[in-house]
Protein backbone atom coordinates (compact mmCIF):
# COMPACT_ATOMS: atom_id res chain seq x y z
CA UNK A 1 108.01 115.25 62.82
CA UNK A 2 109.68 112.19 61.28
CA UNK A 3 110.08 109.10 63.43
CA UNK A 4 113.52 108.41 64.87
CA UNK A 5 115.12 105.17 63.68
CA UNK A 6 117.40 102.67 65.40
CA UNK A 7 120.07 103.77 62.94
CA UNK A 8 119.96 107.30 64.35
CA UNK A 9 120.23 105.97 67.90
CA UNK A 10 123.23 103.88 66.87
CA UNK A 11 124.89 106.86 65.18
CA UNK A 12 124.28 109.06 68.23
CA UNK A 13 125.98 106.52 70.52
CA UNK A 14 128.64 105.42 68.04
CA UNK A 15 127.54 101.78 68.29
CA UNK A 16 126.06 99.23 65.89
CA UNK A 17 122.35 98.85 65.20
CA UNK A 18 122.68 95.35 66.64
CA UNK A 19 123.88 96.83 69.94
CA UNK A 20 120.88 99.15 70.05
CA UNK A 21 118.63 96.17 69.37
CA UNK A 22 120.30 94.22 72.19
CA UNK A 23 119.68 97.09 74.62
CA UNK A 24 116.04 97.37 73.55
CA UNK A 25 115.53 93.64 74.00
CA UNK A 26 117.42 93.64 77.31
CA UNK A 27 120.00 91.11 76.21
CA UNK A 28 122.93 90.65 78.62
CA UNK A 29 125.81 91.03 76.16
CA UNK A 30 126.03 94.84 76.40
CA UNK A 31 128.30 96.79 78.72
CA UNK A 32 126.57 98.85 81.41
CA UNK A 33 128.06 102.15 80.19
CA UNK A 34 126.90 101.48 76.65
CA UNK A 35 123.47 100.41 77.86
CA UNK A 36 123.05 103.68 79.78
CA UNK A 37 124.15 105.77 76.78
CA UNK A 38 121.71 104.00 74.45
CA UNK A 39 118.84 104.40 76.92
CA UNK A 40 119.64 108.09 77.34
CA UNK A 41 119.61 108.54 73.54
CA UNK A 42 116.28 106.73 73.37
CA UNK A 43 114.95 109.12 75.99
CA UNK A 44 116.31 112.30 74.39
CA UNK A 45 115.36 111.43 70.81
CA UNK A 46 111.93 110.03 71.78
CA UNK A 47 112.51 106.77 69.92
CA UNK A 48 109.51 104.46 69.56
CA UNK A 49 109.84 101.02 67.92
CA UNK A 50 108.22 100.56 64.53
CA UNK A 51 105.91 97.71 65.46
CA UNK A 52 104.67 97.28 61.91
CA UNK A 53 108.21 96.53 60.82
CA UNK A 54 108.33 93.88 63.53
CA UNK A 55 104.97 92.43 62.44
CA UNK A 56 103.37 93.46 65.71
CA UNK A 57 100.73 95.84 64.42
CA UNK A 58 98.46 96.96 67.24
CA UNK A 59 94.85 95.85 66.92
CA UNK A 60 93.65 99.16 68.28
CA UNK A 61 94.58 101.14 65.18
CA UNK A 62 91.70 103.51 64.71
CA UNK A 63 90.69 102.93 68.32
CA UNK A 64 89.09 106.33 68.66
CA UNK A 65 86.29 105.27 66.32
CA UNK A 66 85.96 101.61 67.31
CA UNK A 67 87.04 100.96 70.88
CA UNK A 68 86.98 104.40 72.43
CA UNK A 69 89.76 106.64 73.63
CA UNK A 70 92.90 105.03 75.03
CA UNK A 71 93.51 106.35 78.54
CA UNK A 72 96.80 105.87 80.38
CA UNK A 73 97.23 106.09 84.16
CA UNK A 74 100.49 107.09 85.88
CA UNK A 75 101.06 106.38 89.58
CA UNK A 76 103.66 107.93 91.90
CA UNK A 77 107.15 106.48 92.15
CA UNK A 78 107.52 103.06 93.78
CA UNK A 79 103.78 102.61 94.35
CA UNK A 80 102.38 99.12 93.99
CA UNK A 81 98.68 99.44 93.25
CA UNK A 82 98.05 95.91 94.49
CA UNK A 83 99.57 96.58 97.92
CA UNK A 84 98.26 100.06 98.72
CA UNK A 85 94.50 100.17 99.26
CA UNK A 86 94.36 103.92 98.65
CA UNK A 87 95.58 103.60 95.07
CA UNK A 88 93.80 100.31 94.48
CA UNK A 89 90.44 101.90 95.27
CA UNK A 90 91.05 104.96 93.08
CA UNK A 91 92.18 102.72 90.26
CA UNK A 92 89.03 100.62 90.63
CA UNK A 93 86.98 103.78 90.10
CA UNK A 94 89.05 104.63 87.01
CA UNK A 95 88.76 101.12 85.60
CA UNK A 96 85.01 100.86 86.23
CA UNK A 97 84.26 104.27 84.68
CA UNK A 98 86.49 103.60 81.66
CA UNK A 99 84.60 100.35 81.03
CA UNK A 100 81.17 101.91 81.67
CA UNK A 101 81.85 104.64 79.10
CA UNK A 102 83.16 102.26 76.44
CA UNK A 103 86.75 103.48 76.55
CA UNK A 104 90.08 101.64 76.91
CA UNK A 105 92.70 101.60 79.64
CA UNK A 106 95.84 101.99 77.57
CA UNK A 107 98.39 101.42 80.35
CA UNK A 108 98.92 101.60 84.09
CA UNK A 109 102.45 102.29 85.34
CA UNK A 110 104.39 104.13 88.02
CA UNK A 111 106.50 107.12 87.05
CA UNK A 112 109.61 105.35 88.33
CA UNK A 113 108.88 102.40 86.05
CA UNK A 114 108.60 104.74 83.06
CA UNK A 115 111.65 106.85 83.89
CA UNK A 116 113.82 103.79 84.42
CA UNK A 117 112.78 102.45 81.01
CA UNK A 118 112.64 105.37 78.54
CA UNK A 119 111.68 103.03 75.70
CA UNK A 120 108.55 102.05 77.61
CA UNK A 121 107.82 105.70 78.39
CA UNK A 122 108.19 106.71 74.76
CA UNK A 123 105.94 103.88 73.63
CA UNK A 124 103.23 104.38 76.25
CA UNK A 125 103.13 108.16 75.72
CA UNK A 126 103.21 108.04 71.93
CA UNK A 127 100.06 109.29 70.15
CA UNK A 128 99.71 105.88 68.49
CA UNK A 129 99.29 104.21 71.87
CA UNK A 130 97.61 106.70 74.22
CA UNK A 131 95.07 109.48 73.67
CA UNK A 132 94.83 110.94 77.18
CA UNK A 133 96.35 110.53 80.65
CA UNK A 134 95.23 110.46 84.28
CA UNK A 135 98.26 111.16 86.45
CA UNK A 136 99.09 111.18 90.15
CA UNK A 137 102.36 112.85 89.11
CA UNK A 138 102.37 116.63 88.76
CA UNK A 139 104.57 119.48 87.52
CA UNK A 140 107.38 118.69 89.97
CA UNK A 141 108.25 115.57 87.93
CA UNK A 142 111.04 115.84 85.37
CA UNK A 143 108.82 113.89 82.95
CA UNK A 144 105.78 116.11 83.34
CA UNK A 145 106.33 117.88 80.02
CA UNK A 146 105.93 114.56 78.23
CA UNK A 147 102.87 113.64 80.27
CA UNK A 148 101.21 117.02 79.76
CA UNK A 149 101.50 116.77 75.96
CA UNK A 150 98.25 114.73 76.18
CA UNK A 151 94.81 115.73 77.40
CA UNK A 152 95.43 115.39 81.13
CA UNK A 153 93.71 115.17 84.50
CA UNK A 154 95.76 115.19 87.71
CA UNK A 155 94.77 113.35 90.88
CA UNK A 156 95.31 115.87 93.68
CA UNK A 157 94.45 119.55 93.63
CA UNK A 158 96.75 121.44 91.27
CA UNK A 159 96.07 125.04 90.22
CA UNK A 160 96.32 125.64 86.48
CA UNK A 161 95.43 122.06 85.50
CA UNK A 162 92.33 119.92 85.32
CA UNK A 163 92.62 118.16 88.67
CA UNK A 164 90.58 116.16 91.16
CA UNK A 165 90.94 116.97 94.85
CA UNK A 166 89.25 116.22 98.15
CA UNK A 167 87.92 118.69 100.70
CA UNK A 168 90.71 118.07 103.23
CA UNK A 169 89.70 121.06 105.32
CA UNK A 170 86.13 119.82 105.61
CA UNK A 171 87.23 116.33 106.58
CA UNK A 172 89.65 117.46 109.28
CA UNK A 173 87.15 120.03 110.54
CA UNK A 174 84.63 117.22 110.99
CA UNK A 175 87.12 115.19 113.04
CA UNK A 176 87.97 118.14 115.29
CA UNK A 177 84.29 118.89 115.78
CA UNK A 178 83.68 115.25 116.71
CA UNK A 179 86.56 115.18 119.22
CA UNK A 180 85.57 118.55 120.66
CA UNK A 181 82.02 117.30 121.22
CA UNK A 182 83.50 114.43 123.26
CA UNK A 183 85.25 116.91 125.54
CA UNK A 184 88.74 116.82 124.01
CA UNK A 185 90.72 120.06 124.38
CA UNK A 186 94.17 118.42 124.34
CA UNK A 187 94.65 117.12 120.79
CA UNK A 188 97.84 116.03 119.05
CA UNK A 189 98.65 115.36 115.40
CA UNK A 190 100.72 112.72 113.55
CA UNK A 191 101.71 113.30 109.92
CA UNK A 192 103.37 115.73 107.55
CA UNK A 193 103.31 119.22 108.97
CA UNK A 194 103.51 120.88 105.53
CA UNK A 195 100.30 119.22 104.31
CA UNK A 196 96.83 120.76 103.92
CA UNK A 197 95.51 118.31 106.50
CA UNK A 198 97.72 119.78 109.21
CA UNK A 199 96.93 123.33 108.11
CA UNK A 200 93.25 122.45 108.41
CA UNK A 201 93.92 120.93 111.85
CA UNK A 202 95.56 124.13 113.12
CA UNK A 203 92.87 126.39 111.66
CA UNK A 204 89.97 124.38 113.08
CA UNK A 205 91.62 124.03 116.50
CA UNK A 206 92.27 127.77 116.69
CA UNK A 207 88.70 128.59 115.71
CA UNK A 208 87.40 126.36 118.50
CA UNK A 209 89.79 127.75 121.10
CA UNK A 210 91.68 124.47 121.42
CA UNK A 211 95.27 125.16 122.60
CA UNK A 212 98.02 124.15 120.19
CA UNK A 213 100.98 122.28 121.68
CA UNK A 214 103.84 121.91 119.16
CA UNK A 215 105.38 119.08 121.22
CA UNK A 216 102.27 117.04 120.39
CA UNK A 217 102.75 117.51 116.63
CA UNK A 218 104.73 114.47 115.48
CA UNK A 219 106.05 115.18 111.98
CA UNK A 220 106.60 112.33 109.52
CA UNK A 221 105.55 110.87 106.15
CA UNK A 222 102.38 108.91 105.55
CA UNK A 223 102.46 105.19 106.27
CA UNK A 224 102.50 102.38 108.78
CA UNK A 225 106.22 102.54 109.62
CA UNK A 226 106.24 106.28 110.30
CA UNK A 227 103.04 105.94 112.35
CA UNK A 228 104.62 103.24 114.46
CA UNK A 229 107.73 105.36 115.02
CA UNK A 230 105.49 108.24 116.06
CA UNK A 231 103.79 105.93 118.54
CA UNK A 232 107.08 105.34 120.34
CA UNK A 233 107.75 109.10 120.37
CA UNK A 234 104.29 109.67 121.80
CA UNK A 235 104.92 107.24 124.66
CA UNK A 236 108.06 109.20 125.58
CA UNK A 237 106.18 112.51 125.98
CA UNK A 238 106.25 113.82 129.56
CA UNK A 239 102.68 115.06 129.13
CA UNK A 240 100.23 113.59 126.63
CA UNK A 241 97.09 114.78 124.85
CA UNK A 242 93.76 112.97 125.22
CA UNK A 243 93.26 112.58 121.47
CA UNK A 244 95.45 112.34 118.36
CA UNK A 245 94.54 112.93 114.71
CA UNK A 246 96.60 110.87 112.27
CA UNK A 247 97.06 112.02 108.67
CA UNK A 248 96.13 108.64 107.17
CA UNK A 249 94.64 105.33 108.18
CA UNK A 250 97.94 103.52 107.63
CA UNK A 251 99.65 106.09 109.85
CA UNK A 252 96.99 105.59 112.54
CA UNK A 253 97.26 101.79 112.40
CA UNK A 254 101.03 101.99 112.84
CA UNK A 255 100.59 104.53 115.64
CA UNK A 256 98.28 102.18 117.57
CA UNK A 257 100.73 99.27 117.71
CA UNK A 258 103.22 100.55 120.31
CA UNK A 259 100.39 102.18 122.30
CA UNK A 260 98.47 98.92 122.63
CA UNK A 261 101.70 97.02 123.38
CA UNK A 262 102.34 99.52 126.21
CA UNK A 263 98.92 98.79 127.70
CA UNK A 264 97.10 101.99 126.74
CA UNK A 265 93.36 101.59 126.29
CA UNK A 266 91.82 103.01 123.15
CA UNK A 267 89.69 105.13 123.47
CA UNK A 268 89.56 105.24 127.30
CA UNK A 269 93.13 106.53 127.64
CA UNK A 270 93.50 108.06 124.19
CA UNK A 271 91.18 108.68 121.23
CA UNK A 272 92.78 108.13 117.80
CA UNK A 273 91.49 109.08 114.34
CA UNK A 274 92.65 108.22 110.83
CA UNK A 275 91.99 109.61 107.38
CA UNK A 276 90.97 107.90 104.05
CA UNK A 277 88.53 105.20 105.30
CA UNK A 278 90.57 102.36 103.82
CA UNK A 279 89.07 98.87 104.18
CA UNK A 280 91.69 98.15 106.86
CA UNK A 281 90.33 100.95 109.06
CA UNK A 282 87.23 98.88 109.85
CA UNK A 283 89.21 95.67 110.44
CA UNK A 284 91.77 96.81 113.02
CA UNK A 285 90.97 96.81 116.73
CA UNK A 286 89.56 99.12 117.77
CA UNK A 287 88.01 100.12 114.42
CA UNK A 288 89.14 103.60 113.41
CA UNK A 289 87.12 106.76 113.37
CA UNK A 290 88.22 108.29 110.07
CA UNK A 291 87.38 110.46 107.05
CA UNK A 292 85.82 108.82 104.00
CA UNK A 293 87.20 110.57 100.90
CA UNK A 294 85.29 108.44 98.35
CA UNK A 295 88.34 107.09 96.56
CA UNK A 296 86.39 105.23 93.90
CA UNK A 297 84.53 108.49 93.25
CA UNK A 298 87.87 110.24 92.67
CA UNK A 299 88.74 107.73 89.96
CA UNK A 300 85.32 107.91 88.32
CA UNK A 301 85.28 111.71 88.28
CA UNK A 302 88.79 111.82 86.79
CA UNK A 303 87.61 109.76 83.81
CA UNK A 304 84.49 111.90 83.29
CA UNK A 305 86.48 115.15 83.45
CA UNK A 306 89.09 113.77 81.03
CA UNK A 307 86.51 112.68 78.46
CA UNK A 308 84.77 116.05 78.72
CA UNK A 309 88.11 117.77 78.14
CA UNK A 310 88.63 115.71 74.97
CA UNK A 311 85.09 116.36 73.71
CA UNK A 312 85.10 120.08 74.56
CA UNK A 313 88.67 121.43 74.43
CA UNK A 314 89.10 124.67 76.35
CA UNK A 315 92.08 126.64 77.66
CA UNK A 316 90.32 126.99 81.01
CA UNK A 317 91.33 124.54 83.72
CA UNK A 318 89.47 123.70 86.92
CA UNK A 319 90.17 122.00 90.25
CA UNK A 320 87.26 119.69 90.98
CA UNK A 321 86.74 119.03 94.69
CA UNK A 322 84.87 116.07 96.16
CA UNK A 323 83.26 116.33 99.57
CA UNK A 324 84.21 113.99 102.42
CA UNK A 325 82.32 112.57 105.41
CA UNK A 326 83.19 111.43 108.91
CA UNK A 327 82.93 107.74 109.78
CA UNK A 328 82.65 107.34 113.56
CA UNK A 329 83.86 104.07 115.07
CA UNK A 330 85.09 102.96 118.47
CA UNK A 331 88.66 104.39 118.40
CA UNK A 332 87.23 107.64 119.76
CA UNK A 333 85.37 108.26 122.99
CA UNK A 334 84.83 110.79 125.75
CA UNK A 335 87.91 112.58 127.04
CA UNK A 336 89.31 111.19 130.29
CA UNK A 337 90.31 113.36 133.19
């Protein structure tokens, strides 16, 4: 397929080549409507700048034979890898394994960053720039067709694709077993109620004969803010459980704030668990009992699976599952009366 030129973009939008150039270079002297039309044409026609014509020839020409495969990494929308320990630790595993195997990290970007700048998306996902992709973004993304045109590994279990997942059922089962051994039969849950972690919670509780109380299931997204909001809802309950499982460490940390402010003692009055074993989980007070999902291992395995897919192409796709382990700290204790 022949490369699309700036001239074709200009003709499509009925503007001058200079205007297209101004949009590409983000110059201010272009109307917003025109800018949107040009960007949409860039997206639809898959325009990629001719860097040779601009005397910016990439040094990694022939990279497959000299500097290894060029691997791109796509994060979820609005995620800042430097502010979220979960993604930072997975990315560290990716980066370390890429370096250890003599490959290159072609790019690292969020899907929102790429979709808001179609020129960047076209460039990053062009065969001249990237050989393969590790993506946190799956088939529900409007851009997935573009992403999946490359050898691909998804972070998060996804049937029909090479993907890396974590044994969520095993991790939650370990937490329930731990709480049950401490005498807890009244256990609540904070997090998304349509997630595998909650499904595992229900299944394990039922198998152990632990009564399920829907009023103790506080639905909400992952994160500190939603955990904190759930903490206030918990304090308003007329009757409370003796233990609560939170769907993530950030959720659990947020959940603890209003409880501690209200004078509850953790774990004497309430045992609280997290999930992920982020660095912060050992630094808060009291330190969180949680599930270690080996985030660096997720990143490392993703790179190994991707390189194997390139070396041995096959129509078969597998979901690779990493085991998890329980980390017991002082946020859990024996059930009170």
